[in-house]
Amino acid sequence: MMSLESPPFKCLYCMKEASEVTFEKKGHIIPESLGNRDEYVLKGFECDVCNQYFSSLEANFLNKVSSLVERTLAG
């Protein structure tokens, strides 16, 4: 059984472990650019490489005209 005090330090996405990648960044479930400050993936579940990859995908999507209305409504 896994303890929240001792995360697996194995990425949910690429399956790499701490010996292969770092786990320093917070992975937000809902992007910060949509107003999320509190909902995030616990450290040790999403590596920094995947975090950066998904952040770039989110940025590309959120900069499209079609998402501007949602961003405006979200504040």
Protein backbone atom coordinates (compact mmCIF):
# COMPACT_ATOMS: atom_id res chain seq x y z
CA MET A 1 0.00 0.00 0.00
CA MET A 2 1.34 3.43 -0.98
CA SER A 3 1.65 6.19 1.59
CA LEU A 4 1.03 9.84 0.68
CA GLU A 5 4.18 10.71 2.62
CA SER A 6 6.18 8.45 0.32
CA PRO A 7 5.07 8.94 -3.30
CA PRO A 8 6.24 6.42 -5.86
CA PHE A 9 8.49 8.86 -7.76
CA LYS A 10 7.45 7.06 -10.92
CA CYS A 11 5.83 9.18 -13.61
CA LEU A 12 2.24 8.29 -14.44
CA TYR A 13 2.81 9.22 -18.07
CA CYS A 14 6.26 8.06 -19.18
CA MET A 15 6.76 5.51 -16.36
CA LYS A 16 10.30 6.75 -15.67
CA GLU A 17 11.62 6.67 -12.12
CA ALA A 18 13.61 9.14 -10.02
CA SER A 19 16.87 7.58 -11.18
CA GLU A 20 16.01 8.70 -14.74
CA VAL A 21 14.15 12.02 -14.32
CA THR A 22 13.46 14.72 -11.73
CA PHE A 23 10.25 15.44 -9.84
CA GLU A 24 10.58 19.07 -8.77
CA LYS A 25 7.73 20.89 -10.57
CA LYS A 26 4.08 20.90 -9.58
CA GLY A 27 1.80 19.38 -12.18
CA HIS A 28 -1.51 21.23 -12.19
CA ILE A 29 -4.62 19.20 -12.95
CA ILE A 30 -6.26 22.30 -14.40
CA PRO A 31 -3.79 24.79 -15.93
CA GLU A 32 -2.77 27.79 -13.83
CA SER A 33 -3.60 29.99 -16.82
CA LEU A 34 -7.24 29.02 -16.31
CA GLY A 35 -7.13 30.27 -12.73
CA ASN A 36 -6.18 27.07 -10.92
CA ARG A 37 -3.85 27.63 -7.99
CA ASP A 38 -4.78 24.76 -5.70
CA GLU A 39 -5.46 21.55 -7.65
CA TYR A 40 -2.26 19.76 -8.57
CA VAL A 41 -0.71 16.33 -8.92
CA LEU A 42 1.24 15.34 -5.81
CA LYS A 43 5.01 15.50 -6.16
CA GLY A 44 6.40 12.18 -7.32
CA PHE A 45 3.63 11.28 -9.75
CA GLU A 46 4.51 13.48 -12.77
CA CYS A 47 8.12 14.00 -13.85
CA ASP A 48 9.44 17.41 -14.86
CA VAL A 49 9.89 16.33 -18.49
CA CYS A 50 6.22 15.35 -18.85
CA ASN A 51 5.16 18.42 -16.87
CA GLN A 52 6.97 20.64 -19.35
CA TYR A 53 5.56 18.73 -22.31
CA PHE A 54 1.97 19.07 -21.10
CA SER A 55 2.54 22.73 -20.21
CA SER A 56 3.57 23.46 -23.80
CA LEU A 57 0.48 21.65 -25.12
CA GLU A 58 -1.74 23.64 -22.75
CA ALA A 59 -0.08 26.90 -23.79
CA ASN A 60 -0.65 26.15 -27.48
CA PHE A 61 -4.29 25.31 -26.86
CA LEU A 62 -4.97 28.23 -24.53
CA ASN A 63 -3.49 30.73 -26.97
CA LYS A 64 -5.92 29.73 -29.70
CA VAL A 65 -8.80 32.13 -30.34
CA SER A 66 -11.41 29.45 -29.61
CA SER A 67 -10.28 29.13 -25.99
CA LEU A 68 -10.13 32.86 -25.25
CA VAL A 69 -13.81 32.97 -24.28
CA GLU A 70 -13.35 30.20 -21.71
CA ARG A 71 -10.24 31.89 -20.30
CA THR A 72 -12.08 35.21 -20.03
CA LEU A 73 -15.01 33.60 -18.23
CA ALA A 74 -12.67 31.77 -15.86
CA GLY A 75 -11.02 35.07 -14.94
